Amino acid sequence: MSEFDFVMVQNFLIALLLGALVGVEREKHRRSEHPGNFGGLRTYILFAQAGAISAWLSLHLQSPWLFVITVLIVALAVIAAYVLENQRTAGSPGLTSEISAITVCLLGGAIMFGYAELAVMLGILTSAILTFKQPLHGLVAKIDIDDMYAGLKLLIASFIVLPLLPNHAIDPWQALNPYRLWLLVILISSMSLLGYIAVRWLGTAHGTVVTGISGGLASSTAATLSFARSSKLESDPLAADTQACGVLLAWLVMFIRVLVTVFIVYRPLLAPLLLPFTSMALLTAVMAGIYYWLGSRRYVSPQHSAVKVSNPFSLVAAIKFGLLFALILLLVKLTEQYAAAEGLYILAALAGMTDVDAVTLSMTDYARRLPDALAVAAAGVTIAALSNTVVKCTLVFALGSRVLANKLLIATLVILSGGLAALFFH
């Protein structure tokens, strides 16, 4: 058998298996829920084969009409079956089985037209959608109208507004980039929404942990702002323990992220950074663990087991945060231009107020150009991280609840003590 014949047989077998995959689920559905429902295992296999055979013949006859006519015949057949079933049953049956049959026929054709990989993916996805009927319906039941509005606003901000903004600085000091500032607004809004979803699905303590870690991977500052705003909306003061845990986990990920960045970009700088950043990371982890333990103990008690969680998503609040960061960025740029003689450490502290990653990359470049300045570069990165930690704690005092701010103040003092001690005695 030629190679072409082998591929042809293989494609027919793939179509048969896709029809069987969807047909098995429909067969079980028909037996358990709708005995008189349309189609079963053999029916879906035949529909897939009909699509494959008609597509194969269309290719050989160099005319797409045979495949088009086959699909139309399948569609008419399933419509007739739907009408007959609707006449026999009192309630109005769904169209899931009928649409699945047309889909299987189209997938069979797609395989013969050279899209076997895509058809397999879509066939598995189709079977998964049919199988996970109850979980999907349960998910929809948990979504209210405010959640839908919030998701649509986030999609509009991300895929309509963001591409229209200029991705370059628009001020004389080259500090304000509308695209990046709006990206920060989207990030803060996304963190609020993801945190809300995590808390609803996993509970207050576990959801906060997931949000803090994922927020730290994206932006520890954005995660801090998100938790700060949520603390203002939270009516239960005991929620501050789990919120503080989430914030500290985001900070912990930031410390680890700096070490990973240096390891990838310029490994010699890693050695002088290990002591200060390991100290800060360990102290942050200890404080996060303490607050997680306190929050978990309090939330399992009966009087706090039914805390109402509301959607904290707000583009207006996120825009306010973005404007606040724009002001900080402008102040940093002005200070760099007009007070640059104050030294590298002051610049690191100022730049670290808004972006530790930028300082880390600039210091690795500085150390690469001047290998004797490893200690200076490491001190600059450490100062930037400490400055960033102080700024995030200050933002919580300005924008969050007093209870959360006090808890983070204690953690910040502990982290600063460890970082400064490692910086001066290393």
Protein backbone atom coordinates (compact mmCIF):
# COMPACT_ATOMS: atom_id res chain seq x y z
CA MET A 1 0.00 0.00 0.00
CA SER A 2 1.37 3.40 -0.93
CA GLU A 3 2.11 6.14 1.58
CA PHE A 4 -0.87 8.09 0.28
CA ASP A 5 -3.18 5.12 0.87
CA PHE A 6 -1.83 4.71 4.40
CA VAL A 7 -2.57 8.34 5.24
CA MET A 8 -6.05 7.99 3.75
CA VAL A 9 -6.83 4.90 5.85
CA GLN A 10 -5.40 6.62 8.90
CA ASN A 11 -7.66 9.63 8.35
CA PHE A 12 -10.73 7.42 7.98
CA LEU A 13 -9.84 5.69 11.26
CA ILE A 14 -9.44 9.06 13.01
CA ALA A 15 -12.88 10.11 11.76
CA LEU A 16 -14.35 6.83 12.99
CA LEU A 17 -12.77 7.26 16.44
CA LEU A 18 -13.96 10.86 16.75
CA GLY A 19 -17.49 9.78 15.89
CA ALA A 20 -17.21 7.00 18.48
CA LEU A 21 -15.85 9.40 21.12
CA VAL A 22 -18.84 11.71 20.82
CA GLY A 23 -21.23 8.81 20.22
CA VAL A 24 -20.30 7.03 23.46
CA GLU A 25 -21.18 10.11 25.49
CA ARG A 26 -24.46 10.62 23.61
CA GLU A 27 -25.32 6.91 24.02
CA LYS A 28 -24.86 7.11 27.79
CA HIS A 29 -26.83 10.35 27.90
CA ARG A 30 -29.70 8.79 25.96
CA ARG A 31 -29.88 5.73 28.21
CA SER A 32 -29.67 7.62 31.51
CA GLU A 33 -31.64 10.82 30.83
CA HIS A 34 -33.52 10.75 27.52
CA PRO A 35 -34.42 7.25 26.29
CA GLY A 36 -36.12 8.58 23.16
CA ASN A 37 -33.40 11.05 22.31
CA PHE A 38 -31.83 11.33 18.86
CA GLY A 39 -28.79 9.22 17.95
CA GLY A 40 -26.37 6.90 19.71
CA LEU A 41 -22.94 5.38 19.22
CA ARG A 42 -23.51 3.90 15.75
CA THR A 43 -25.34 6.99 14.48
CA TYR A 44 -22.45 9.33 15.31
CA ILE A 45 -19.85 6.98 13.83
CA LEU A 46 -21.85 6.92 10.60
CA PHE A 47 -22.20 10.72 10.54
CA ALA A 48 -18.42 11.10 10.97
CA GLN A 49 -17.80 8.56 8.18
CA ALA A 50 -20.32 10.32 5.93
CA GLY A 51 -18.43 13.57 6.37
CA ALA A 52 -15.08 11.88 5.74
CA ILE A 53 -16.20 9.94 2.65
CA SER A 54 -17.93 12.95 1.07
CA ALA A 55 -14.86 15.12 1.68
CA TRP A 56 -12.56 12.46 0.18
CA LEU A 57 -14.76 12.16 -2.90
CA SER A 58 -14.96 15.96 -3.19
CA LEU A 59 -11.16 16.12 -3.30
CA HIS A 60 -10.93 13.45 -6.00
CA LEU A 61 -13.76 14.97 -8.06
CA GLN A 62 -12.33 18.46 -7.44
CA SER A 63 -15.73 19.76 -6.43
CA PRO A 64 -16.76 20.81 -2.93
CA TRP A 65 -20.46 20.37 -3.64
CA LEU A 66 -20.62 16.70 -2.70
CA PHE A 67 -19.40 17.51 0.81
CA VAL A 68 -21.71 20.53 1.09
CA ILE A 69 -24.72 18.45 -0.01
CA THR A 70 -23.80 15.69 2.49
CA VAL A 71 -23.68 18.18 5.33
CA LEU A 72 -27.05 19.61 4.28
CA ILE A 73 -28.57 16.12 4.17
CA VAL A 74 -27.24 15.40 7.67
CA ALA A 75 -28.65 18.72 8.87
CA LEU A 76 -32.08 17.95 7.36
CA ALA A 77 -32.03 14.49 8.94
CA VAL A 78 -31.31 15.78 12.44
CA ILE A 79 -33.90 18.56 12.05
CA ALA A 80 -36.54 15.97 11.06
CA ALA A 81 -35.53 13.84 14.06
CA TYR A 82 -35.85 16.87 16.34
CA VAL A 83 -39.33 17.70 15.01
CA LEU A 84 -40.53 14.11 15.51
CA GLU A 85 -39.13 13.98 19.04
CA ASN A 86 -40.74 17.31 19.84
CA GLN A 87 -44.10 15.92 18.76
CA ARG A 88 -43.72 12.81 20.93
CA THR A 89 -42.60 14.54 24.16
CA ALA A 90 -44.47 17.08 26.25
CA GLY A 91 -41.48 19.30 27.01
CA SER A 92 -39.27 20.99 24.43
CA PRO A 93 -36.10 18.89 23.96
CA GLY A 94 -32.74 20.53 23.56
CA LEU A 95 -30.72 20.69 20.36
CA THR A 96 -27.46 19.42 21.86
CA SER A 97 -27.53 15.98 20.21
CA GLU A 98 -28.56 17.37 16.83
CA ILE A 99 -25.85 20.07 16.81
CA SER A 100 -23.32 17.44 17.92
CA ALA A 101 -24.24 15.27 14.94
CA ILE A 102 -23.62 18.11 12.47
CA THR A 103 -20.36 18.93 14.25
CA VAL A 104 -19.17 15.32 13.97
CA CYS A 105 -19.95 15.29 10.26
CA LEU A 106 -17.98 18.51 9.73
CA LEU A 107 -15.05 17.15 11.76
CA GLY A 108 -14.97 14.04 9.59
CA GLY A 109 -14.69 16.24 6.54
CA ALA A 110 -12.03 18.45 8.14
CA ILE A 111 -9.84 15.38 8.68
CA MET A 112 -9.90 14.45 4.98
CA PHE A 113 -9.28 18.08 3.95
CA GLY A 114 -5.94 18.00 5.81
CA TYR A 115 -6.85 19.38 9.24
CA ALA A 116 -6.63 16.14 11.22
CA GLU A 117 -4.82 17.67 14.24
CA LEU A 118 -7.32 20.51 14.55
CA ALA A 119 -10.25 18.11 14.09
CA VAL A 120 -8.94 15.84 16.86
CA MET A 121 -8.60 18.82 19.22
CA LEU A 122 -12.11 20.03 18.43
CA GLY A 123 -13.51 16.50 18.72
CA ILE A 124 -12.03 16.07 22.19
CA LEU A 125 -13.30 19.52 23.16
CA THR A 126 -16.78 18.64 21.88
CA SER A 127 -16.82 15.44 23.90
CA ALA A 128 -15.60 17.31 27.00
CA ILE A 129 -18.34 19.93 26.65
CA LEU A 130 -20.96 17.22 26.41
CA THR A 131 -19.52 15.18 29.30
CA PHE A 132 -19.10 18.09 31.73
CA LYS A 133 -22.70 19.18 31.47
CA GLN A 134 -23.36 19.35 35.21
CA PRO A 135 -20.14 21.21 36.19
CA LEU A 136 -20.72 23.76 33.43
CA HIS A 137 -24.32 24.34 34.52
CA GLY A 138 -23.09 24.64 38.11
CA LEU A 139 -20.53 27.23 37.04
CA VAL A 140 -23.20 29.30 35.29
CA ALA A 141 -25.39 29.10 38.40
CA LYS A 142 -22.60 30.71 40.45
CA ILE A 143 -22.28 33.69 38.08
CA ASP A 144 -24.59 36.61 38.75
CA ILE A 145 -25.28 39.64 36.57
CA ASP A 146 -22.65 41.81 38.32
CA ASP A 147 -19.99 39.20 37.55
CA MET A 148 -20.97 39.27 33.88
CA TYR A 149 -20.80 43.07 33.77
CA ALA A 150 -17.38 42.98 35.43
CA GLY A 151 -16.05 40.42 32.95
CA LEU A 152 -17.35 42.37 29.95
CA LYS A 153 -15.81 45.61 31.24
CA LEU A 154 -12.47 43.86 31.66
CA LEU A 155 -12.67 42.44 28.11
CA ILE A 156 -13.50 45.88 26.69
CA ALA A 157 -10.62 47.47 28.59
CA SER A 158 -8.20 44.74 27.45
CA PHE A 159 -9.09 44.15 23.81
CA ILE A 160 -10.72 47.41 22.68
CA VAL A 161 -9.24 50.28 24.71
CA LEU A 162 -5.68 48.97 25.21
CA PRO A 163 -4.78 48.48 21.49
CA LEU A 164 -5.90 52.07 20.76
CA LEU A 165 -3.43 53.65 23.21
CA PRO A 166 0.05 54.82 22.11
CA ASN A 167 2.86 52.58 23.32
CA HIS A 168 5.39 55.36 23.85
CA ALA A 169 6.04 58.18 26.30
CA ILE A 170 3.93 61.29 25.70
CA ASP A 171 5.52 63.72 28.19
CA PRO A 172 8.78 65.73 27.90
CA TRP A 173 10.43 63.61 30.63
CA GLN A 174 9.69 60.29 28.88
CA ALA A 175 7.95 58.94 32.00
CA LEU A 176 4.30 58.44 31.07
CA ASN A 177 3.45 55.66 28.63
CA PRO A 178 -0.37 55.47 28.21
CA TYR A 179 -0.22 51.84 27.02
CA ARG A 180 1.77 50.66 30.03
CA LEU A 181 -0.29 52.70 32.49
CA TRP A 182 -3.54 51.26 31.11
CA LEU A 183 -1.95 47.81 31.20
CA LEU A 184 -1.42 48.40 34.92
CA VAL A 185 -5.10 49.36 35.25
CA ILE A 186 -6.09 46.10 33.54
CA LEU A 187 -3.69 44.13 35.72
CA ILE A 188 -5.11 45.60 38.93
CA SER A 189 -8.67 44.98 37.74
CA SER A 190 -7.82 41.41 36.73
CA MET A 191 -6.23 40.72 40.10
CA SER A 192 -9.37 41.94 41.87
CA LEU A 193 -11.57 39.75 39.70
CA LEU A 194 -9.34 36.68 39.95
CA GLY A 195 -9.08 37.09 43.69
CA TYR A 196 -12.86 37.26 43.97
CA ILE A 197 -13.25 34.10 41.86
CA ALA A 198 -10.57 32.25 43.86
CA VAL A 199 -12.19 33.17 47.18
CA ARG A 200 -15.64 32.06 45.98
CA TRP A 201 -14.36 28.73 44.69
CA LEU A 202 -11.71 27.86 47.29
CA GLY A 203 -12.84 29.73 50.38
CA THR A 204 -11.37 32.83 51.95
CA ALA A 205 -8.07 31.40 53.19
CA HIS A 206 -7.15 29.13 50.25
CA GLY A 207 -8.42 31.56 47.61
CA THR A 208 -6.28 34.33 49.07
CA VAL A 209 -3.19 32.14 48.91
CA VAL A 210 -3.74 31.37 45.21
CA THR A 211 -4.39 35.04 44.44
CA GLY A 212 -1.30 36.21 46.31
CA ILE A 213 1.04 33.79 44.57
CA SER A 214 -0.37 34.38 41.09
CA GLY A 215 -0.42 38.14 41.73
CA GLY A 216 3.24 38.09 42.75
CA LEU A 217 4.14 36.36 39.49
CA ALA A 218 2.53 39.20 37.55
CA SER A 219 3.06 42.24 39.80
CA SER A 220 3.39 42.27 43.58
CA THR A 221 2.42 45.95 43.58
CA ALA A 222 -0.77 45.31 41.62
CA ALA A 223 -1.60 42.42 43.97
CA THR A 224 -1.02 44.68 46.98
CA LEU A 225 -3.30 47.36 45.54
CA SER A 226 -5.97 44.76 44.81
CA PHE A 227 -5.92 43.41 48.37
CA ALA A 228 -5.85 46.95 49.77
CA ARG A 229 -9.01 47.90 47.93
CA SER A 230 -10.71 44.62 48.86
CA SER A 231 -9.96 45.33 52.53
CA LYS A 232 -11.94 48.56 52.26
CA LEU A 233 -14.98 46.64 51.00
CA GLU A 234 -14.70 43.75 53.48
CA SER A 235 -17.09 44.13 56.40
CA ASP A 236 -15.44 41.46 58.56
CA PRO A 237 -12.28 42.76 60.32
CA LEU A 238 -11.00 39.20 60.72
CA ALA A 239 -10.49 39.04 56.94
CA ALA A 240 -7.37 41.20 57.38
CA ASP A 241 -5.33 38.15 58.45
CA THR A 242 -5.92 36.26 55.19
CA GLN A 243 -5.56 39.47 53.16
CA ALA A 244 -2.22 40.17 54.83
CA CYS A 245 -1.18 36.60 54.01
CA GLY A 246 -2.06 37.16 50.34
CA VAL A 247 -0.11 40.42 50.18
CA LEU A 248 2.95 38.87 51.82
CA LEU A 249 2.86 35.88 49.46
CA ALA A 250 2.93 38.32 46.54
CA TRP A 251 5.96 40.03 48.11
CA LEU A 252 7.62 36.65 48.64
CA VAL A 253 7.21 35.78 44.97
CA MET A 254 8.74 39.16 44.08
CA PHE A 255 11.91 38.40 46.11
CA ILE A 256 12.20 34.98 44.48
CA ARG A 257 11.56 36.47 41.04
CA VAL A 258 14.51 38.86 41.45
CA LEU A 259 16.87 35.98 42.25
CA VAL A 260 15.60 33.97 39.27
CA THR A 261 16.04 37.00 36.97
CA VAL A 262 19.63 37.53 38.10
CA PHE A 263 20.36 33.82 37.75
CA ILE A 264 19.18 33.91 34.14
CA VAL A 265 20.66 37.29 33.10
CA TYR A 266 23.99 37.53 34.98
CA ARG A 267 24.84 34.67 37.31
CA PRO A 268 27.90 36.23 39.06
CA LEU A 269 25.62 38.82 40.68
CA LEU A 270 23.59 36.05 42.35
CA ALA A 271 26.14 35.31 45.10
CA PRO A 272 26.11 38.77 46.77
CA LEU A 273 22.31 38.85 46.50
CA LEU A 274 21.65 35.49 48.13
CA LEU A 275 22.02 36.58 51.78
CA PRO A 276 19.83 39.72 51.73
CA PHE A 277 17.13 38.28 49.49
CA THR A 278 17.05 34.91 51.21
CA SER A 279 16.70 36.69 54.56
CA MET A 280 13.85 38.87 53.30
CA ALA A 281 12.15 35.92 51.59
CA LEU A 282 12.30 33.70 54.69
CA LEU A 283 11.01 36.44 56.98
CA THR A 284 8.19 37.20 54.52
CA ALA A 285 7.27 33.51 54.35
CA VAL A 286 7.21 33.26 58.17
CA MET A 287 4.95 36.31 58.52
CA ALA A 288 2.66 35.03 55.74
CA GLY A 289 2.44 31.66 57.48
CA ILE A 290 1.51 33.30 60.78
CA TYR A 291 -1.27 35.36 59.23
CA TYR A 292 -2.52 32.36 57.24
CA TRP A 293 -2.70 30.30 60.44
CA LEU A 294 -4.57 33.08 62.26
CA GLY A 295 -6.96 33.61 59.36
CA SER A 296 -7.65 29.89 58.93
CA ARG A 297 -8.41 29.42 62.62
CA ARG A 298 -10.80 32.33 62.71
CA TYR A 299 -12.67 31.46 59.53
CA VAL A 300 -13.44 27.90 60.50
CA SER A 301 -15.31 29.07 63.58
CA PRO A 302 -19.12 28.97 63.21
CA GLN A 303 -19.70 32.67 63.73
CA HIS A 304 -17.48 33.50 60.75
CA SER A 305 -18.30 30.67 58.36
CA ALA A 306 -20.87 32.54 56.28
CA VAL A 307 -18.99 35.69 55.32
CA LYS A 308 -20.58 37.28 52.26
CA VAL A 309 -18.15 37.84 49.40
CA SER A 310 -18.94 40.67 46.98
CA ASN A 311 -17.36 41.35 43.61
CA PRO A 312 -14.64 43.98 44.18
CA PHE A 313 -14.08 44.71 40.46
CA SER A 314 -14.03 48.41 39.64
CA LEU A 315 -12.36 50.04 36.65
CA VAL A 316 -12.78 53.46 38.25
CA ALA A 317 -10.79 52.42 41.31
CA ALA A 318 -8.15 50.79 39.10
CA ILE A 319 -7.86 54.00 37.06
CA LYS A 320 -7.25 55.93 40.28
CA PHE A 321 -4.45 53.52 41.11
CA GLY A 322 -3.02 53.99 37.63
CA LEU A 323 -3.05 57.78 38.02
CA LEU A 324 -1.30 57.44 41.37
CA PHE A 325 1.42 55.36 39.73
CA ALA A 326 1.73 57.83 36.88
CA LEU A 327 2.44 60.55 39.43
CA ILE A 328 5.09 58.39 41.12
CA LEU A 329 6.69 57.59 37.76
CA LEU A 330 6.85 61.28 36.89
CA LEU A 331 8.43 62.16 40.24
CA VAL A 332 11.02 59.42 39.79
CA LYS A 333 11.96 60.66 36.33
CA LEU A 334 12.25 64.26 37.50
CA THR A 335 14.44 63.21 40.42
CA GLU A 336 16.67 61.14 38.15
CA GLN A 337 17.17 64.06 35.77
CA TYR A 338 17.65 66.88 38.25
CA ALA A 339 19.28 65.10 41.21
CA ALA A 340 21.36 62.40 39.51
CA ALA A 341 24.48 63.46 41.37
CA GLU A 342 23.07 62.05 44.61
CA GLY A 343 24.38 58.63 43.61
CA LEU A 344 23.45 55.18 42.42
CA TYR A 345 21.82 54.08 45.66
CA ILE A 346 19.38 56.99 45.72
CA LEU A 347 18.44 56.26 42.13
CA ALA A 348 17.91 52.59 42.98
CA ALA A 349 15.68 53.56 45.91
CA LEU A 350 13.67 55.97 43.76
CA ALA A 351 13.31 53.61 40.80
CA GLY A 352 12.47 50.73 43.13
CA MET A 353 9.42 52.66 44.27
CA THR A 354 7.64 51.60 41.09
CA ASP A 355 9.53 48.73 39.45
CA VAL A 356 12.06 46.38 41.02
CA ASP A 357 12.47 44.40 37.79
CA ALA A 358 13.72 47.48 35.92
CA VAL A 359 16.31 48.19 38.62
CA THR A 360 17.38 44.54 38.67
CA LEU A 361 18.01 44.49 34.93
CA SER A 362 19.84 47.83 34.96
CA MET A 363 22.05 46.72 37.86
CA THR A 364 22.90 43.42 36.16
CA ASP A 365 23.99 45.41 33.11
CA TYR A 366 26.03 47.71 35.36
CA ALA A 367 27.71 44.72 37.04
CA ARG A 368 28.42 43.09 33.67
CA ARG A 369 30.21 46.23 32.47
CA LEU A 370 32.08 46.68 35.77
CA PRO A 371 32.83 43.24 37.28
CA ASP A 372 34.47 44.89 40.30
CA ALA A 373 31.19 46.58 41.19
CA LEU A 374 29.24 43.41 42.06
CA ALA A 375 28.79 44.52 45.67
CA VAL A 376 27.55 47.96 44.59
CA ALA A 377 25.10 46.44 42.10
CA ALA A 378 23.83 43.94 44.69
CA ALA A 379 23.34 46.73 47.22
CA GLY A 380 21.42 48.73 44.60
CA VAL A 381 19.04 45.82 43.87
CA THR A 382 18.52 45.23 47.61
CA ILE A 383 17.81 48.91 48.26
CA ALA A 384 15.30 48.90 45.37
CA ALA A 385 13.51 45.88 46.86
CA LEU A 386 13.41 47.50 50.31
CA SER A 387 12.16 50.76 48.81
CA ASN A 388 9.47 48.91 46.89
CA THR A 389 8.37 47.11 50.06
CA VAL A 390 8.08 50.42 51.95
CA VAL A 391 6.07 51.98 49.11
CA LYS A 392 3.66 49.04 48.97
CA CYS A 393 3.12 49.23 52.72
CA THR A 394 2.50 52.99 52.38
CA LEU A 395 -0.04 52.38 49.61
CA VAL A 396 -1.94 50.00 51.88
CA PHE A 397 -2.04 52.72 54.56
CA ALA A 398 -3.34 55.19 51.97
CA LEU A 399 -5.83 52.94 50.18
CA GLY A 400 -6.60 49.97 52.43
CA SER A 401 -8.23 49.34 55.78
CA ARG A 402 -6.45 50.35 58.98
CA VAL A 403 -6.48 46.77 60.30
CA LEU A 404 -4.71 45.42 57.21
CA ALA A 405 -2.26 48.33 57.19
CA ASN A 406 -1.25 47.71 60.81
CA LYS A 407 -0.63 44.03 60.16
CA LEU A 408 1.50 44.79 57.10
CA LEU A 409 3.41 47.46 59.01
CA ILE A 410 4.57 44.80 61.46
CA ALA A 411 5.60 42.50 58.62
CA THR A 412 7.34 45.35 56.77
CA LEU A 413 9.42 46.27 59.82
CA VAL A 414 10.47 42.62 60.20
CA ILE A 415 11.41 42.37 56.49
CA LEU A 416 13.30 45.68 56.58
CA SER A 417 15.24 44.62 59.66
CA GLY A 418 16.36 41.39 57.99
CA GLY A 419 17.22 43.08 54.67
CA LEU A 420 19.15 45.97 56.21
CA ALA A 421 21.03 43.64 58.57
CA ALA A 422 22.09 41.45 55.66
CA LEU A 423 22.99 44.52 53.60
CA PHE A 424 25.26 46.11 56.22
CA PHE A 425 26.89 42.99 57.67
CA HIS A 426 27.42 40.99 54.49
